[in-house]
Amino acid sequence: MAAESPCIVESKSVKLYLTAFNQTRFATPADVAHTIGRDLAAATGAAVGVTLTEPAAFGDMPHGELAGDWLDRMPLAFHDESPAPQRLIAGGTVVEETLCTRLFRSVCPVTGQPDYASLQVRYRGPQIDAVGLLAYLVSFRRHAGFHEQCVERIFVDIWQRCAPKSLAVYARFTRRGGIDINPFRANGYSPPAANVRTARQ
């Protein structure tokens, strides 16, 4: 597994950080981007690029759904009360596929409120049992975890139990606090996910 930064910044911290700029004046949008990039780089220990989309361009932002085969109509044979990595099974033919679900839910460890997401798993390796993968992802429904921690745990569990050659896990959570939270975790073989806002967001 490869990661480009030794640390991540939890999304609620980012929200509080951005809110702290209320009443702050900047000379140009580039100054805003530079300040945010500098501060996030200091927090994560890695270079951070920041791109600002100004209000006049909001209508040009892409909308759509995650690409891949959707698991949501498959039967759920298990109803685990906590994350159940034992549901993850892989073997046989090496395949390259992308699997998605809109059924992901976790719980905010601070407020206890539910957090919903569309989630995408892209991998190349022994074929993952789709029914087991869906059961595993749904098993997070009562799990108290921040968005980034959930995606990291999903990545690690699939990596350890299914042994793919490449893996990417991407989640687009419904908005809270006016900020899109879309964690993406991959090893070095996987390109970044497309930044497409889903209808649920």
N, C-alpha and C. Protein backbone atom coordinates (compact mmCIF):
# COMPACT_ATOMS: atom_id res chain seq x y z
N MET A 1 0.84 -1.18 0.00
CA MET A 1 0.00 0.00 0.00
C MET A 1 0.88 1.24 0.00
N ALA A 2 0.46 2.25 -0.73
CA ALA A 2 1.23 3.48 -0.79
C ALA A 2 0.34 4.65 -0.43
N ALA A 3 0.88 5.58 0.30
CA ALA A 3 0.18 6.82 0.62
C ALA A 3 1.16 7.96 0.41
N GLU A 4 0.68 9.06 -0.11
CA GLU A 4 1.57 10.17 -0.41
C GLU A 4 1.79 11.09 0.78
N SER A 5 0.98 10.98 1.82
CA SER A 5 1.16 11.84 2.98
C SER A 5 1.14 10.99 4.24
N PRO A 6 1.91 11.38 5.25
CA PRO A 6 1.91 10.62 6.50
C PRO A 6 0.66 10.86 7.34
N CYS A 7 -0.09 11.91 7.05
CA CYS A 7 -1.26 12.26 7.85
C CYS A 7 -2.41 12.68 6.94
N ILE A 8 -3.64 12.59 7.48
CA ILE A 8 -4.80 13.15 6.81
C ILE A 8 -5.41 14.20 7.73
N VAL A 9 -6.25 15.05 7.17
CA VAL A 9 -6.96 16.04 7.96
C VAL A 9 -8.43 15.65 7.96
N GLU A 10 -8.98 15.46 9.14
CA GLU A 10 -10.38 15.05 9.26
C GLU A 10 -11.29 16.16 8.75
N SER A 11 -12.37 15.77 8.05
CA SER A 11 -13.20 16.73 7.33
C SER A 11 -13.84 17.79 8.23
N LYS A 12 -14.23 17.41 9.43
CA LYS A 12 -14.82 18.41 10.31
C LYS A 12 -13.79 19.47 10.71
N SER A 13 -12.53 19.07 10.82
CA SER A 13 -11.48 20.04 11.09
C SER A 13 -11.33 21.01 9.93
N VAL A 14 -11.44 20.48 8.70
CA VAL A 14 -11.36 21.35 7.53
C VAL A 14 -12.51 22.34 7.53
N LYS A 15 -13.70 21.88 7.88
CA LYS A 15 -14.86 22.78 7.92
C LYS A 15 -14.62 23.91 8.93
N LEU A 16 -14.13 23.58 10.11
CA LEU A 16 -13.86 24.60 11.12
C LEU A 16 -12.75 25.54 10.65
N TYR A 17 -11.74 24.98 10.00
CA TYR A 17 -10.64 25.79 9.49
C TYR A 17 -11.15 26.80 8.47
N LEU A 18 -11.97 26.33 7.51
CA LEU A 18 -12.49 27.24 6.48
C LEU A 18 -13.42 28.29 7.07
N THR A 19 -14.22 27.89 8.05
CA THR A 19 -15.13 28.85 8.69
C THR A 19 -14.35 29.96 9.39
N ALA A 20 -13.15 29.65 9.86
CA ALA A 20 -12.33 30.65 10.55
C ALA A 20 -11.92 31.80 9.64
N PHE A 21 -12.07 31.63 8.31
CA PHE A 21 -11.74 32.70 7.38
C PHE A 21 -12.86 33.74 7.24
N ASN A 22 -13.99 33.54 7.90
CA ASN A 22 -15.05 34.55 7.86
C ASN A 22 -14.48 35.91 8.25
N GLN A 23 -14.84 36.93 7.49
CA GLN A 23 -14.41 38.32 7.73
C GLN A 23 -12.92 38.54 7.38
N THR A 24 -12.27 37.55 6.77
CA THR A 24 -10.87 37.73 6.36
C THR A 24 -10.83 38.22 4.92
N ARG A 25 -10.02 39.22 4.66
CA ARG A 25 -9.90 39.77 3.30
C ARG A 25 -8.64 39.24 2.63
N PHE A 26 -8.81 38.82 1.36
CA PHE A 26 -7.68 38.40 0.53
C PHE A 26 -7.65 39.27 -0.71
N ALA A 27 -6.48 39.54 -1.22
CA ALA A 27 -6.35 40.40 -2.40
C ALA A 27 -6.87 39.71 -3.67
N THR A 28 -6.61 38.40 -3.79
CA THR A 28 -7.01 37.67 -5.00
C THR A 28 -7.43 36.25 -4.63
N PRO A 29 -8.21 35.60 -5.51
CA PRO A 29 -8.52 34.18 -5.27
C PRO A 29 -7.26 33.32 -5.19
N ALA A 30 -6.22 33.70 -5.93
CA ALA A 30 -4.98 32.92 -5.87
C ALA A 30 -4.37 32.96 -4.48
N ASP A 31 -4.53 34.06 -3.77
CA ASP A 31 -4.02 34.15 -2.40
C ASP A 31 -4.77 33.20 -1.47
N VAL A 32 -6.06 33.07 -1.71
CA VAL A 32 -6.86 32.13 -0.91
C VAL A 32 -6.36 30.70 -1.14
N ALA A 33 -6.22 30.33 -2.41
CA ALA A 33 -5.77 28.98 -2.74
C ALA A 33 -4.38 28.71 -2.17
N HIS A 34 -3.50 29.68 -2.26
CA HIS A 34 -2.14 29.51 -1.73
C HIS A 34 -2.17 29.30 -0.21
N THR A 35 -2.98 30.08 0.49
CA THR A 35 -3.04 29.98 1.96
C THR A 35 -3.57 28.61 2.38
N ILE A 36 -4.65 28.18 1.74
CA ILE A 36 -5.23 26.88 2.10
C ILE A 36 -4.25 25.76 1.78
N GLY A 37 -3.63 25.81 0.61
CA GLY A 37 -2.66 24.77 0.23
C GLY A 37 -1.49 24.71 1.19
N ARG A 38 -0.98 25.88 1.57
CA ARG A 38 0.14 25.94 2.52
C ARG A 38 -0.22 25.31 3.86
N ASP A 39 -1.41 25.67 4.38
CA ASP A 39 -1.80 25.18 5.70
C ASP A 39 -2.10 23.68 5.68
N LEU A 40 -2.75 23.21 4.62
CA LEU A 40 -3.02 21.77 4.53
C LEU A 40 -1.74 20.97 4.34
N ALA A 41 -0.79 21.52 3.61
CA ALA A 41 0.49 20.84 3.44
C ALA A 41 1.21 20.71 4.78
N ALA A 42 1.14 21.77 5.57
CA ALA A 42 1.79 21.71 6.89
C ALA A 42 1.13 20.66 7.78
N ALA A 43 -0.19 20.52 7.66
CA ALA A 43 -0.91 19.55 8.51
C ALA A 43 -0.72 18.11 8.06
N THR A 44 -0.61 17.89 6.74
CA THR A 44 -0.53 16.52 6.23
C THR A 44 0.89 16.04 6.01
N GLY A 45 1.85 16.96 5.92
CA GLY A 45 3.22 16.56 5.67
C GLY A 45 3.51 16.26 4.21
N ALA A 46 2.67 16.77 3.29
CA ALA A 46 2.88 16.54 1.86
C ALA A 46 2.38 17.75 1.08
N ALA A 47 2.85 17.88 -0.16
CA ALA A 47 2.39 18.99 -1.00
C ALA A 47 0.89 18.85 -1.27
N VAL A 48 0.17 19.97 -1.22
CA VAL A 48 -1.27 19.98 -1.45
C VAL A 48 -1.58 21.05 -2.49
N GLY A 49 -2.28 20.67 -3.54
CA GLY A 49 -2.74 21.62 -4.54
C GLY A 49 -4.18 22.01 -4.27
N VAL A 50 -4.52 23.26 -4.43
CA VAL A 50 -5.88 23.75 -4.20
C VAL A 50 -6.36 24.46 -5.46
N THR A 51 -7.53 24.07 -5.95
CA THR A 51 -8.17 24.73 -7.09
C THR A 51 -9.49 25.30 -6.63
N LEU A 52 -9.71 26.57 -6.86
CA LEU A 52 -10.96 27.23 -6.47
C LEU A 52 -11.88 27.35 -7.69
N THR A 53 -13.15 27.03 -7.49
CA THR A 53 -14.17 27.26 -8.51
C THR A 53 -15.02 28.43 -8.04
N GLU A 54 -14.97 29.51 -8.77
CA GLU A 54 -15.70 30.70 -8.36
C GLU A 54 -17.18 30.58 -8.72
N PRO A 55 -18.06 31.33 -8.04
CA PRO A 55 -19.51 31.18 -8.23
C PRO A 55 -19.98 31.27 -9.68
N ALA A 56 -19.34 32.09 -10.48
CA ALA A 56 -19.77 32.24 -11.87
C ALA A 56 -19.63 30.94 -12.66
N ALA A 57 -18.79 30.03 -12.19
CA ALA A 57 -18.56 28.77 -12.91
C ALA A 57 -19.28 27.59 -12.28
N PHE A 58 -20.09 27.82 -11.25
CA PHE A 58 -20.77 26.71 -10.59
C PHE A 58 -21.61 25.89 -11.56
N GLY A 59 -22.27 26.56 -12.50
CA GLY A 59 -23.14 25.85 -13.44
C GLY A 59 -22.40 24.94 -14.39
N ASP A 60 -21.09 25.12 -14.51
CA ASP A 60 -20.29 24.28 -15.41
C ASP A 60 -19.75 23.03 -14.73
N MET A 61 -19.97 22.91 -13.43
CA MET A 61 -19.43 21.75 -12.72
C MET A 61 -20.15 20.48 -13.16
N PRO A 62 -19.41 19.40 -13.37
CA PRO A 62 -20.05 18.17 -13.87
C PRO A 62 -20.92 17.48 -12.82
N HIS A 63 -22.03 16.93 -13.27
CA HIS A 63 -22.91 16.14 -12.43
C HIS A 63 -23.07 14.77 -13.07
N GLY A 64 -23.30 13.77 -12.28
CA GLY A 64 -23.48 12.43 -12.81
C GLY A 64 -23.48 11.42 -11.69
N GLU A 65 -23.28 10.17 -12.06
CA GLU A 65 -23.21 9.09 -11.08
C GLU A 65 -21.86 8.39 -11.20
N LEU A 66 -21.51 7.68 -10.16
CA LEU A 66 -20.26 6.93 -10.20
C LEU A 66 -20.33 5.86 -11.29
N ALA A 67 -19.22 5.67 -11.97
CA ALA A 67 -19.16 4.64 -13.01
C ALA A 67 -18.95 3.28 -12.37
N GLY A 68 -19.57 2.24 -12.95
CA GLY A 68 -19.37 0.89 -12.45
C GLY A 68 -20.64 0.09 -12.42
N ASP A 69 -20.53 -1.14 -11.98
CA ASP A 69 -21.67 -2.04 -11.83
C ASP A 69 -22.26 -1.88 -10.44
N TRP A 70 -23.55 -1.63 -10.36
CA TRP A 70 -24.21 -1.35 -9.09
C TRP A 70 -24.65 -2.65 -8.41
N LEU A 71 -24.40 -2.72 -7.12
CA LEU A 71 -24.68 -3.92 -6.32
C LEU A 71 -26.03 -3.86 -5.62
N ASP A 72 -26.72 -2.73 -5.73
CA ASP A 72 -27.83 -2.44 -4.82
C ASP A 72 -29.03 -3.36 -4.93
N ARG A 73 -29.21 -4.07 -6.02
CA ARG A 73 -30.35 -4.97 -6.16
C ARG A 73 -30.03 -6.41 -5.74
N MET A 74 -28.81 -6.61 -5.30
CA MET A 74 -28.44 -7.95 -4.88
C MET A 74 -29.05 -8.26 -3.51
N PRO A 75 -29.35 -9.54 -3.25
CA PRO A 75 -29.93 -9.89 -1.93
C PRO A 75 -28.90 -9.74 -0.82
N LEU A 76 -29.37 -9.28 0.32
CA LEU A 76 -28.52 -9.17 1.50
C LEU A 76 -28.83 -10.32 2.43
N ALA A 77 -27.89 -11.25 2.53
CA ALA A 77 -28.12 -12.43 3.36
C ALA A 77 -27.70 -12.21 4.80
N PHE A 78 -26.94 -11.14 5.06
CA PHE A 78 -26.42 -10.91 6.40
C PHE A 78 -26.80 -9.52 6.87
N HIS A 79 -26.95 -9.37 8.17
CA HIS A 79 -27.26 -8.07 8.76
C HIS A 79 -26.36 -7.87 9.97
N ASP A 80 -25.10 -7.67 9.70
CA ASP A 80 -24.11 -7.51 10.77
C ASP A 80 -24.28 -6.17 11.46
N GLU A 81 -24.01 -6.13 12.75
CA GLU A 81 -24.16 -4.91 13.54
C GLU A 81 -22.89 -4.08 13.60
N SER A 82 -21.79 -4.59 13.04
CA SER A 82 -20.53 -3.87 13.01
C SER A 82 -19.77 -4.33 11.77
N PRO A 83 -18.74 -3.57 11.34
CA PRO A 83 -18.01 -3.95 10.13
C PRO A 83 -17.57 -5.41 10.17
N ALA A 84 -17.86 -6.12 9.07
CA ALA A 84 -17.67 -7.57 9.02
C ALA A 84 -16.75 -7.94 7.86
N PRO A 85 -15.44 -7.75 8.01
CA PRO A 85 -14.53 -8.08 6.92
C PRO A 85 -14.53 -9.55 6.54
N GLN A 86 -15.03 -10.42 7.42
CA GLN A 86 -15.09 -11.83 7.08
C GLN A 86 -16.03 -12.11 5.91
N ARG A 87 -16.86 -11.14 5.53
CA ARG A 87 -17.75 -11.29 4.36
C ARG A 87 -16.99 -11.15 3.05
N LEU A 88 -15.78 -10.60 3.10
CA LEU A 88 -14.99 -10.38 1.90
C LEU A 88 -14.31 -11.67 1.47
N ILE A 89 -14.64 -12.12 0.26
CA ILE A 89 -14.08 -13.35 -0.28
C ILE A 89 -13.65 -13.08 -1.72
N ALA A 90 -12.48 -13.55 -2.10
CA ALA A 90 -12.01 -13.39 -3.48
C ALA A 90 -11.23 -14.63 -3.87
N GLY A 91 -11.22 -14.93 -5.16
CA GLY A 91 -10.46 -16.08 -5.64
C GLY A 91 -10.72 -16.34 -7.10
N GLY A 92 -9.92 -17.23 -7.65
CA GLY A 92 -10.13 -17.64 -9.04
C GLY A 92 -9.55 -16.65 -10.03
N THR A 93 -10.31 -16.41 -11.08
CA THR A 93 -9.87 -15.60 -12.20
C THR A 93 -9.50 -14.18 -11.79
N VAL A 94 -8.41 -13.67 -12.36
CA VAL A 94 -8.05 -12.27 -12.15
C VAL A 94 -8.90 -11.41 -13.07
N VAL A 95 -9.55 -10.42 -12.51
CA VAL A 95 -10.44 -9.55 -13.27
C VAL A 95 -10.10 -8.10 -12.96
N GLU A 96 -10.62 -7.22 -13.76
CA GLU A 96 -10.54 -5.77 -13.50
C GLU A 96 -11.97 -5.26 -13.56
N GLU A 97 -12.48 -4.79 -12.44
CA GLU A 97 -13.86 -4.32 -12.43
C GLU A 97 -14.06 -3.19 -11.44
N THR A 98 -15.22 -2.53 -11.60
CA THR A 98 -15.61 -1.42 -10.74
C THR A 98 -17.00 -1.71 -10.21
N LEU A 99 -17.13 -1.72 -8.88
CA LEU A 99 -18.39 -2.05 -8.22
C LEU A 99 -18.83 -0.87 -7.36
N CYS A 100 -20.13 -0.58 -7.37
CA CYS A 100 -20.65 0.60 -6.67
C CYS A 100 -21.88 0.26 -5.85
N THR A 101 -22.12 1.09 -4.84
CA THR A 101 -23.37 1.00 -4.07
C THR A 101 -23.77 2.39 -3.59
N ARG A 102 -25.09 2.59 -3.50
CA ARG A 102 -25.63 3.80 -2.87
C ARG A 102 -26.11 3.51 -1.46
N LEU A 103 -25.86 2.30 -0.97
CA LEU A 103 -26.41 1.86 0.31
C LEU A 103 -25.47 2.08 1.49
N PHE A 104 -24.33 2.73 1.25
CA PHE A 104 -23.38 2.89 2.36
C PHE A 104 -23.90 3.91 3.37
N ARG A 105 -23.77 3.54 4.63
CA ARG A 105 -24.11 4.45 5.72
C ARG A 105 -23.20 4.16 6.89
N SER A 106 -22.73 5.22 7.53
CA SER A 106 -22.01 5.12 8.79
C SER A 106 -22.63 6.13 9.74
N VAL A 107 -22.05 6.28 10.92
CA VAL A 107 -22.60 7.19 11.92
C VAL A 107 -21.50 8.13 12.38
N CYS A 108 -21.81 9.41 12.46
CA CYS A 108 -20.83 10.38 12.94
C CYS A 108 -20.48 10.08 14.40
N PRO A 109 -19.21 9.91 14.72
CA PRO A 109 -18.83 9.60 16.11
C PRO A 109 -19.01 10.78 17.06
N VAL A 110 -19.22 11.97 16.52
CA VAL A 110 -19.39 13.15 17.38
C VAL A 110 -20.87 13.40 17.66
N THR A 111 -21.69 13.40 16.60
CA THR A 111 -23.11 13.77 16.75
C THR A 111 -24.04 12.58 16.83
N GLY A 112 -23.59 11.41 16.37
CA GLY A 112 -24.47 10.25 16.31
C GLY A 112 -25.41 10.27 15.12
N GLN A 113 -25.27 11.25 14.24
CA GLN A 113 -26.14 11.36 13.07
C GLN A 113 -25.65 10.45 11.96
N PRO A 114 -26.57 9.95 11.13
CA PRO A 114 -26.16 9.07 10.03
C PRO A 114 -25.48 9.86 8.92
N ASP A 115 -24.51 9.22 8.29
CA ASP A 115 -23.82 9.77 7.13
C ASP A 115 -24.00 8.79 5.97
N TYR A 116 -24.54 9.28 4.85
CA TYR A 116 -24.84 8.44 3.70
C TYR A 116 -23.87 8.73 2.56
N ALA A 117 -23.54 7.70 1.79
CA ALA A 117 -22.60 7.90 0.68
C ALA A 117 -22.89 6.93 -0.46
N SER A 118 -22.53 7.37 -1.66
CA SER A 118 -22.35 6.46 -2.78
C SER A 118 -20.88 6.06 -2.76
N LEU A 119 -20.61 4.77 -2.94
CA LEU A 119 -19.26 4.27 -2.77
C LEU A 119 -18.86 3.40 -3.96
N GLN A 120 -17.61 3.59 -4.39
CA GLN A 120 -17.09 2.87 -5.56
C GLN A 120 -15.81 2.12 -5.18
N VAL A 121 -15.73 0.86 -5.60
CA VAL A 121 -14.53 0.05 -5.41
C VAL A 121 -14.02 -0.36 -6.78
N ARG A 122 -12.81 0.09 -7.13
CA ARG A 122 -12.17 -0.32 -8.38
C ARG A 122 -10.98 -1.19 -8.03
N TYR A 123 -10.84 -2.31 -8.72
CA TYR A 123 -9.71 -3.19 -8.40
C TYR A 123 -9.33 -4.04 -9.59
N ARG A 124 -8.13 -4.58 -9.53
CA ARG A 124 -7.68 -5.63 -10.44
C ARG A 124 -7.06 -6.72 -9.59
N GLY A 125 -7.56 -7.94 -9.74
CA GLY A 125 -7.07 -9.04 -8.94
C GLY A 125 -8.07 -10.17 -8.93
N PRO A 126 -7.88 -11.15 -8.04
CA PRO A 126 -8.85 -12.25 -7.93
C PRO A 126 -10.26 -11.69 -7.73
N GLN A 127 -11.23 -12.26 -8.43
CA GLN A 127 -12.58 -11.67 -8.41
C GLN A 127 -13.18 -11.70 -7.01
N ILE A 128 -13.69 -10.53 -6.59
CA ILE A 128 -14.32 -10.39 -5.28
C ILE A 128 -15.77 -10.80 -5.38
N ASP A 129 -16.21 -11.61 -4.44
CA ASP A 129 -17.62 -12.01 -4.39
C ASP A 129 -18.48 -10.78 -4.14
N ALA A 130 -19.35 -10.45 -5.11
CA ALA A 130 -20.12 -9.21 -5.04
C ALA A 130 -21.12 -9.20 -3.89
N VAL A 131 -21.76 -10.34 -3.63
CA VAL A 131 -22.72 -10.41 -2.52
C VAL A 131 -22.00 -10.17 -1.19
N GLY A 132 -20.84 -10.78 -1.03
CA GLY A 132 -20.07 -10.57 0.19
C GLY A 132 -19.58 -9.14 0.34
N LEU A 133 -19.17 -8.52 -0.79
CA LEU A 133 -18.72 -7.13 -0.73
C LEU A 133 -19.86 -6.22 -0.29
N LEU A 134 -21.06 -6.42 -0.86
CA LEU A 134 -22.20 -5.59 -0.46
C LEU A 134 -22.52 -5.80 1.01
N ALA A 135 -22.52 -7.05 1.47
CA ALA A 135 -22.81 -7.32 2.88
C ALA A 135 -21.78 -6.63 3.78
N TYR A 136 -20.52 -6.65 3.35
CA TYR A 136 -19.47 -5.98 4.12
C TYR A 136 -19.72 -4.48 4.19
N LEU A 137 -20.00 -3.86 3.07
CA LEU A 137 -20.21 -2.41 3.04
C LEU A 137 -21.44 -2.00 3.85
N VAL A 138 -22.49 -2.78 3.78
CA VAL A 138 -23.70 -2.46 4.55
C VAL A 138 -23.47 -2.67 6.04
N SER A 139 -22.48 -3.48 6.41
CA SER A 139 -22.23 -3.74 7.82
C SER A 139 -21.70 -2.52 8.57
N PHE A 140 -21.41 -1.44 7.86
CA PHE A 140 -20.97 -0.19 8.50
C PHE A 140 -22.13 0.67 8.99
N ARG A 141 -23.37 0.21 8.84
CA ARG A 141 -24.52 1.08 9.08
C ARG A 141 -24.62 1.61 10.50
N ARG A 142 -24.08 0.91 11.47
CA ARG A 142 -24.08 1.39 12.85
C ARG A 142 -22.68 1.76 13.34
N HIS A 143 -21.72 1.74 12.43
CA HIS A 143 -20.33 2.01 12.80
C HIS A 143 -20.09 3.51 12.98
N ALA A 144 -19.53 3.89 14.12
CA ALA A 144 -19.18 5.30 14.38
C ALA A 144 -17.79 5.56 13.84
N GLY A 145 -17.72 6.29 12.74
CA GLY A 145 -16.43 6.58 12.14
C GLY A 145 -16.49 7.79 11.23
N PHE A 146 -15.44 8.57 11.21
CA PHE A 146 -15.37 9.69 10.28
C PHE A 146 -15.26 9.15 8.86
N HIS A 147 -15.68 9.95 7.90
CA HIS A 147 -15.71 9.52 6.50
C HIS A 147 -14.38 8.95 6.04
N GLU A 148 -13.30 9.70 6.33
CA GLU A 148 -11.98 9.29 5.87
C GLU A 148 -11.55 7.97 6.52
N GLN A 149 -11.87 7.81 7.79
CA GLN A 149 -11.51 6.58 8.49
C GLN A 149 -12.26 5.38 7.91
N CYS A 150 -13.52 5.58 7.55
CA CYS A 150 -14.30 4.49 6.96
C CYS A 150 -13.68 4.05 5.64
N VAL A 151 -13.35 5.00 4.78
CA VAL A 151 -12.76 4.66 3.48
C VAL A 151 -11.41 3.98 3.66
N GLU A 152 -10.61 4.48 4.60
CA GLU A 152 -9.31 3.84 4.87
C GLU A 152 -9.50 2.40 5.35
N ARG A 153 -10.46 2.19 6.24
CA ARG A 153 -10.69 0.84 6.75
C ARG A 153 -11.16 -0.10 5.64
N ILE A 154 -12.06 0.38 4.79
CA ILE A 154 -12.54 -0.43 3.67
C ILE A 154 -11.36 -0.81 2.77
N PHE A 155 -10.53 0.16 2.45
CA PHE A 155 -9.36 -0.11 1.61
C PHE A 155 -8.48 -1.19 2.25
N VAL A 156 -8.15 -1.02 3.50
CA VAL A 156 -7.25 -1.96 4.18
C VAL A 156 -7.87 -3.36 4.27
N ASP A 157 -9.16 -3.44 4.60
CA ASP A 157 -9.81 -4.75 4.72
C ASP A 157 -9.82 -5.48 3.38
N ILE A 158 -10.18 -4.77 2.30
CA ILE A 158 -10.20 -5.41 0.98
C ILE A 158 -8.79 -5.81 0.57
N TRP A 159 -7.83 -4.93 0.83
CA TRP A 159 -6.44 -5.23 0.46
C TRP A 159 -5.93 -6.47 1.18
N GLN A 160 -6.21 -6.57 2.46
CA GLN A 160 -5.69 -7.70 3.24
C GLN A 160 -6.43 -9.00 2.95
N ARG A 161 -7.71 -8.95 2.75
CA ARG A 161 -8.50 -10.17 2.62
C ARG A 161 -8.64 -10.65 1.17
N CYS A 162 -8.55 -9.72 0.20
CA CYS A 162 -8.79 -10.10 -1.20
C CYS A 162 -7.54 -10.03 -2.06
N ALA A 163 -6.47 -9.43 -1.55
CA ALA A 163 -5.16 -9.39 -2.21
C ALA A 163 -5.21 -8.91 -3.66
N PRO A 164 -5.86 -7.78 -3.95
CA PRO A 164 -5.84 -7.27 -5.32
C PRO A 164 -4.46 -6.73 -5.68
N LYS A 165 -4.19 -6.65 -6.97
CA LYS A 165 -2.94 -6.05 -7.44
C LYS A 165 -3.05 -4.53 -7.45
N SER A 166 -4.24 -4.02 -7.69
CA SER A 166 -4.48 -2.59 -7.59
C SER A 166 -5.87 -2.40 -6.97
N LEU A 167 -6.03 -1.28 -6.25
CA LEU A 167 -7.28 -1.05 -5.54
C LEU A 167 -7.49 0.44 -5.32
N ALA A 168 -8.73 0.87 -5.52
CA ALA A 168 -9.12 2.25 -5.21
C ALA A 168 -10.50 2.22 -4.58
N VAL A 169 -10.68 2.96 -3.51
CA VAL A 169 -11.97 3.09 -2.83
C VAL A 169 -12.32 4.57 -2.80
N TYR A 170 -13.52 4.89 -3.25
CA TYR A 170 -13.96 6.29 -3.41
C TYR A 170 -15.36 6.42 -2.85
N ALA A 171 -15.57 7.41 -2.00
CA ALA A 171 -16.91 7.64 -1.43
C ALA A 171 -17.30 9.09 -1.63
N ARG A 172 -18.55 9.30 -2.03
CA ARG A 172 -19.10 10.65 -2.13
C ARG A 172 -20.25 10.75 -1.14
N PHE A 173 -19.99 11.43 -0.03
CA PHE A 173 -20.97 11.54 1.04
C PHE A 173 -21.93 12.69 0.78
N THR A 174 -23.17 12.54 1.26
CA THR A 174 -24.10 13.65 1.19
C THR A 174 -23.56 14.79 2.03
N ARG A 175 -23.89 16.00 1.64
CA ARG A 175 -23.24 17.18 2.21
C ARG A 175 -23.72 17.45 3.63
N ARG A 176 -22.75 17.87 4.46
CA ARG A 176 -23.06 18.37 5.80
C ARG A 176 -22.17 19.57 6.04
N GLY A 177 -22.76 20.64 6.53
CA GLY A 177 -21.97 21.84 6.78
C GLY A 177 -21.54 22.56 5.52
N GLY A 178 -22.22 22.27 4.39
CA GLY A 178 -21.92 22.98 3.15
C GLY A 178 -20.66 22.52 2.44
N ILE A 179 -20.07 21.40 2.86
CA ILE A 179 -18.82 20.94 2.25
C ILE A 179 -19.00 19.52 1.72
N ASP A 180 -18.63 19.33 0.45
CA ASP A 180 -18.57 17.97 -0.09
C ASP A 180 -17.42 17.22 0.58
N ILE A 181 -17.68 16.00 1.00
CA ILE A 181 -16.63 15.17 1.60
C ILE A 181 -16.56 13.90 0.77
N ASN A 182 -15.45 13.75 0.04
CA ASN A 182 -15.33 12.68 -0.95
C ASN A 182 -13.99 11.97 -0.82
N PRO A 183 -13.79 11.18 0.24
CA PRO A 183 -12.48 10.53 0.43
C PRO A 183 -12.16 9.56 -0.70
N PHE A 184 -10.90 9.54 -1.07
CA PHE A 184 -10.40 8.64 -2.11
C PHE A 184 -9.11 8.01 -1.61
N ARG A 185 -9.03 6.69 -1.64
CA ARG A 185 -7.84 5.97 -1.16
C ARG A 185 -7.46 4.94 -2.21
N ALA A 186 -6.22 4.94 -2.62
CA ALA A 186 -5.78 4.02 -3.66
C ALA A 186 -4.32 3.68 -3.46
N ASN A 187 -3.90 2.57 -4.09
CA ASN A 187 -2.48 2.31 -4.15
C ASN A 187 -1.93 2.96 -5.41
N GLY A 188 -0.65 2.83 -5.64
CA GLY A 188 0.00 3.58 -6.70
C GLY A 188 -0.45 3.27 -8.11
N TYR A 189 -1.17 2.17 -8.31
CA TYR A 189 -1.57 1.79 -9.65
C TYR A 189 -2.86 2.48 -10.11
N SER A 190 -3.58 3.11 -9.22
CA SER A 190 -4.91 3.59 -9.53
C SER A 190 -4.93 5.11 -9.71
N PRO A 191 -5.46 5.59 -10.84
CA PRO A 191 -5.55 7.04 -11.06
C PRO A 191 -6.62 7.66 -10.16
N PRO A 192 -6.56 8.96 -9.94
CA PRO A 192 -7.59 9.61 -9.12
C PRO A 192 -8.99 9.43 -9.71
N ALA A 193 -9.99 9.46 -8.83
CA ALA A 193 -11.37 9.32 -9.27
C ALA A 193 -11.84 10.62 -9.90
N ALA A 194 -12.83 10.52 -10.80
CA ALA A 194 -13.41 11.70 -11.43
C ALA A 194 -14.22 12.49 -10.40
N ASN A 195 -14.08 13.80 -10.44
CA ASN A 195 -14.81 14.66 -9.48
C ASN A 195 -16.17 15.02 -10.07
N VAL A 196 -17.13 14.11 -9.94
CA VAL A 196 -18.48 14.29 -10.48
C VAL A 196 -19.46 14.27 -9.33
N ARG A 197 -20.18 15.36 -9.14
CA ARG A 197 -21.16 15.42 -8.05
C ARG A 197 -22.38 14.58 -8.42
N THR A 198 -22.78 13.71 -7.49
CA THR A 198 -23.92 12.84 -7.75
C THR A 198 -25.23 13.56 -7.43
N ALA A 199 -26.34 13.01 -7.89
CA ALA A 199 -27.64 13.60 -7.64
C ALA A 199 -27.95 13.68 -6.16
N ARG A 200 -27.47 12.72 -5.39
CA ARG A 200 -27.73 12.71 -3.95
C ARG A 200 -27.00 13.83 -3.22
N GLN A 201 -25.97 14.39 -3.85
CA GLN A 201 -25.24 15.47 -3.21
C GLN A 201 -25.85 16.82 -3.52
